[in-house]
Amino acid sequence: MNINSENLLESILESLSRIDYIHAEDIPNIDLYMDQVTTLMDSGLSSSKRYEEDKILTKTMINNYAKNNLLPPPDKKKYSREHILILTFIYYFKNILAIKDIETLLNPLTKTYFQTENQPSLSEIYEEICSMEKSQIPDLSKEISAAFARAEESFADAPEEDRHYLQMFSFICSLSFDVYVKKLLIEKLLDELPDFQKSQKKEK
């Protein structure tokens, strides 16, 4: 991939390093109306937008999440800090999982920790998960760099006018296969989650 390959890789890794999330302490302590929620989500997760005009979450999406049991209903049309945390989880999961799978994953979380005194608090769970994910970025950068290097070595005998495209295609396929395999693994874990929970309750 001789088309500014170093610049391309540098740009990819830079975008990875800019990935951020909404910090629990940045969420107001007062309940928010829908318009305030969408504004907060849009500004807090702007680094994940593909295009500037993209919307992170819309009113219709949020209403549908409540109807599909992904999100506890608002209190008098107002959303709490914990609603925002759950919405952030949903935002990331919706890109790779079916609605039913997200419900399977989040229902135990909302039943046990949403607006309860149970420990750890939902905010603490959220922050620990986000911190763990941020800590993975250096290793992900190394994996992406290695995949990029392998792609640059592919199709060495292809005609020069086709080689750059084929190498880029190879790189995209490599990344896509990684996503595909991990998605299969996540779905398998979700299928086993209800039985796992039952076995845990029996042990108690």
Protein backbone atom coordinates (compact mmCIF):
# COMPACT_ATOMS: atom_id res chain seq x y z
CA MET A 1 0.00 0.00 0.00
CA ASN A 2 2.34 2.63 -1.25
CA ILE A 3 -0.36 5.31 -1.36
CA ASN A 4 1.03 7.23 1.61
CA SER A 5 0.94 3.97 3.55
CA GLU A 6 2.77 5.40 6.54
CA ASN A 7 0.39 8.35 6.69
CA LEU A 8 -2.60 6.04 6.37
CA LEU A 9 -1.49 3.81 9.24
CA GLU A 10 -0.63 6.84 11.35
CA SER A 11 -4.09 8.29 10.69
CA ILE A 12 -5.77 5.00 11.66
CA LEU A 13 -3.82 4.70 14.91
CA GLU A 14 -4.44 8.35 15.74
CA SER A 15 -8.19 7.90 15.34
CA LEU A 16 -7.97 4.87 17.63
CA SER A 17 -6.20 6.89 20.30
CA ARG A 18 -8.94 9.55 20.17
CA ILE A 19 -11.68 7.11 21.13
CA ASP A 20 -13.31 8.36 24.30
CA TYR A 21 -16.45 7.81 26.35
CA ILE A 22 -18.83 9.77 28.53
CA HIS A 23 -17.37 9.86 32.04
CA ALA A 24 -19.83 9.31 34.87
CA GLU A 25 -18.69 12.47 36.63
CA ASP A 26 -19.50 14.50 33.50
CA ILE A 27 -23.18 13.58 33.71
CA PRO A 28 -25.27 16.18 35.58
CA ASN A 29 -26.67 15.16 38.94
CA ILE A 30 -30.11 16.36 37.87
CA ASP A 31 -32.51 14.38 35.72
CA LEU A 32 -32.64 15.39 32.06
CA TYR A 33 -35.35 15.77 29.46
CA MET A 34 -35.03 13.94 26.14
CA ASP A 35 -33.52 16.89 24.23
CA GLN A 36 -30.89 17.31 26.94
CA VAL A 37 -30.09 13.59 26.80
CA THR A 38 -29.55 13.56 23.03
CA THR A 39 -27.40 16.70 23.25
CA LEU A 40 -25.26 15.17 26.02
CA MET A 41 -24.82 11.90 24.13
CA ASP A 42 -24.03 13.70 20.88
CA SER A 43 -21.30 15.83 22.43
CA GLY A 44 -19.89 13.14 24.74
CA LEU A 45 -19.55 10.50 22.01
CA SER A 46 -18.68 12.77 19.09
CA SER A 47 -15.30 11.06 18.62
CA SER A 48 -17.10 7.90 17.47
CA LYS A 49 -18.97 9.61 14.63
CA ARG A 50 -18.12 8.59 11.10
CA TYR A 51 -19.53 11.78 9.60
CA GLU A 52 -19.98 15.14 11.29
CA GLU A 53 -23.73 15.17 10.59
CA ASP A 54 -24.29 11.73 12.15
CA LYS A 55 -26.54 11.53 15.20
CA ILE A 56 -25.37 9.42 18.13
CA LEU A 57 -28.89 8.69 19.38
CA THR A 58 -32.27 10.07 18.33
CA LYS A 59 -35.50 10.44 20.30
CA THR A 60 -37.02 7.60 18.28
CA MET A 61 -34.12 5.28 19.12
CA ILE A 62 -34.35 6.03 22.84
CA ASN A 63 -38.13 5.51 22.87
CA ASN A 64 -37.69 2.19 21.07
CA TYR A 65 -35.07 1.05 23.58
CA ALA A 66 -37.55 1.66 26.40
CA LYS A 67 -40.31 -0.19 24.50
CA ASN A 68 -37.98 -3.15 23.87
CA ASN A 69 -36.97 -3.43 27.55
CA LEU A 70 -33.40 -2.33 26.93
CA LEU A 71 -33.79 0.86 28.92
CA PRO A 72 -35.86 1.39 32.10
CA PRO A 73 -38.66 3.90 31.43
CA PRO A 74 -38.03 7.55 32.31
CA ASP A 75 -39.59 9.08 35.40
CA LYS A 76 -42.07 11.75 34.31
CA LYS A 77 -40.25 12.07 30.97
CA LYS A 78 -36.94 12.67 32.75
CA TYR A 79 -33.81 10.54 32.49
CA SER A 80 -31.37 9.97 35.34
CA ARG A 81 -27.58 9.61 35.34
CA GLU A 82 -28.08 5.85 35.30
CA HIS A 83 -30.24 6.09 32.19
CA ILE A 84 -27.31 7.82 30.46
CA LEU A 85 -24.91 5.04 31.50
CA ILE A 86 -27.23 2.33 30.14
CA LEU A 87 -27.77 4.32 26.94
CA THR A 88 -24.00 4.50 26.44
CA PHE A 89 -23.71 0.73 26.74
CA ILE A 90 -26.58 0.34 24.26
CA TYR A 91 -24.92 2.73 21.83
CA TYR A 92 -21.80 0.58 21.62
CA PHE A 93 -23.60 -2.77 21.60
CA LYS A 94 -26.13 -1.82 18.91
CA ASN A 95 -23.38 -1.70 16.29
CA ILE A 96 -22.65 -5.42 16.63
CA LEU A 97 -25.52 -7.13 18.48
CA ALA A 98 -29.20 -7.78 17.85
CA ILE A 99 -31.74 -6.04 20.10
CA LYS A 100 -32.63 -9.36 21.76
CA ASP A 101 -28.98 -10.04 22.57
CA ILE A 102 -28.56 -6.58 24.11
CA GLU A 103 -31.64 -7.22 26.23
CA THR A 104 -30.19 -10.55 27.41
CA LEU A 105 -26.95 -8.85 28.34
CA LEU A 106 -28.30 -5.73 30.02
CA ASN A 107 -31.40 -6.98 31.85
CA PRO A 108 -29.43 -8.54 34.74
CA LEU A 109 -27.46 -5.30 35.05
CA THR A 110 -30.53 -3.06 35.20
CA LYS A 111 -32.43 -5.39 37.54
CA THR A 112 -29.59 -5.56 40.04
CA TYR A 113 -27.93 -2.16 39.86
CA PHE A 114 -30.30 0.39 38.28
CA GLN A 115 -31.33 2.85 40.99
CA THR A 116 -30.53 0.43 43.81
CA GLU A 117 -28.20 0.54 46.80
CA ASN A 118 -26.34 -2.55 45.61
CA GLN A 119 -22.58 -2.44 45.36
CA PRO A 120 -20.75 -1.81 43.18
CA SER A 121 -22.91 1.05 41.93
CA LEU A 122 -23.85 1.27 38.28
CA SER A 123 -21.50 4.25 37.92
CA GLU A 124 -18.62 2.23 39.36
CA ILE A 125 -19.36 -0.69 37.02
CA TYR A 126 -19.49 1.67 34.05
CA GLU A 127 -16.22 3.39 34.92
CA GLU A 128 -14.38 0.11 35.48
CA ILE A 129 -15.57 -1.29 32.15
CA CYS A 130 -14.58 1.90 30.29
CA SER A 131 -11.20 2.02 32.01
CA MET A 132 -10.53 -1.60 31.08
CA GLU A 133 -11.46 -0.93 27.46
CA LYS A 134 -9.25 2.15 27.22
CA SER A 135 -6.33 0.12 28.56
CA GLN A 136 -6.70 -2.24 25.57
CA ILE A 137 -5.97 0.46 23.00
CA PRO A 138 -2.13 0.05 22.99
CA ASP A 139 -2.47 -3.69 22.29
CA LEU A 140 -5.11 -3.03 19.64
CA SER A 141 -2.78 -0.55 17.98
CA LYS A 142 -0.10 -3.23 17.78
CA GLU A 143 -2.56 -5.76 16.30
CA ILE A 144 -3.73 -3.27 13.68
CA SER A 145 -0.17 -2.36 12.77
CA ALA A 146 0.67 -6.06 12.32
CA ALA A 147 -2.40 -6.63 10.14
CA PHE A 148 -1.45 -3.57 8.07
CA ALA A 149 2.09 -4.90 7.59
CA ARG A 150 0.76 -8.30 6.46
CA ALA A 151 -1.56 -6.62 3.98
CA GLU A 152 1.33 -4.59 2.54
CA GLU A 153 3.15 -7.84 1.80
CA SER A 154 0.16 -9.43 0.07
CA PHE A 155 -0.40 -9.58 -3.71
CA ALA A 156 3.24 -8.81 -4.40
CA ASP A 157 2.94 -10.28 -7.92
CA ALA A 158 -0.26 -8.44 -8.85
CA PRO A 159 -0.07 -5.75 -11.54
CA GLU A 160 0.92 -2.44 -9.98
CA GLU A 161 -2.32 -0.73 -11.03
CA ASP A 162 -4.32 -3.37 -9.09
CA ARG A 163 -1.94 -4.06 -6.22
CA HIS A 164 -2.84 -1.08 -4.03
CA TYR A 165 -6.54 -1.87 -4.13
CA LEU A 166 -5.95 -5.57 -3.45
CA GLN A 167 -3.71 -4.79 -0.50
CA MET A 168 -6.31 -2.42 0.94
CA PHE A 169 -8.95 -5.10 0.33
CA SER A 170 -6.74 -7.59 2.16
CA PHE A 171 -6.36 -5.24 5.13
CA ILE A 172 -10.12 -4.62 5.37
CA CYS A 173 -10.83 -8.37 5.11
CA SER A 174 -8.35 -9.06 7.91
CA LEU A 175 -10.03 -6.54 10.21
CA SER A 176 -13.49 -7.81 9.22
CA PHE A 177 -12.60 -11.42 9.96
CA ASP A 178 -11.42 -10.38 13.42
CA VAL A 179 -14.77 -8.65 14.05
CA TYR A 180 -16.68 -11.66 12.66
CA VAL A 181 -14.92 -14.17 14.91
CA LYS A 182 -15.38 -12.02 18.01
CA LYS A 183 -19.05 -11.48 17.19
CA LEU A 184 -19.55 -15.26 16.99
CA LEU A 185 -17.84 -15.63 20.36
CA ILE A 186 -19.99 -12.90 21.93
CA GLU A 187 -23.18 -14.55 20.61
CA LYS A 188 -22.10 -17.92 22.02
CA LEU A 189 -21.45 -16.36 25.43
CA LEU A 190 -24.84 -14.63 25.34
CA ASP A 191 -26.57 -17.92 24.51
CA GLU A 192 -24.95 -19.47 27.58
CA LEU A 193 -25.54 -16.49 29.88
CA PRO A 194 -29.03 -17.48 31.17
CA ASP A 195 -27.84 -20.98 32.13
CA PHE A 196 -24.72 -19.53 33.71
CA GLN A 197 -26.85 -17.20 35.85
CA LYS A 198 -29.08 -20.08 36.94
CA SER A 199 -26.09 -22.16 37.98
CA GLN A 200 -24.68 -19.24 39.97
CA LYS A 201 -27.96 -18.82 41.85
CA LYS A 202 -28.06 -22.53 42.71
CA GLU A 203 -24.54 -22.36 44.13
CA LYS A 204 -25.65 -19.54 46.45
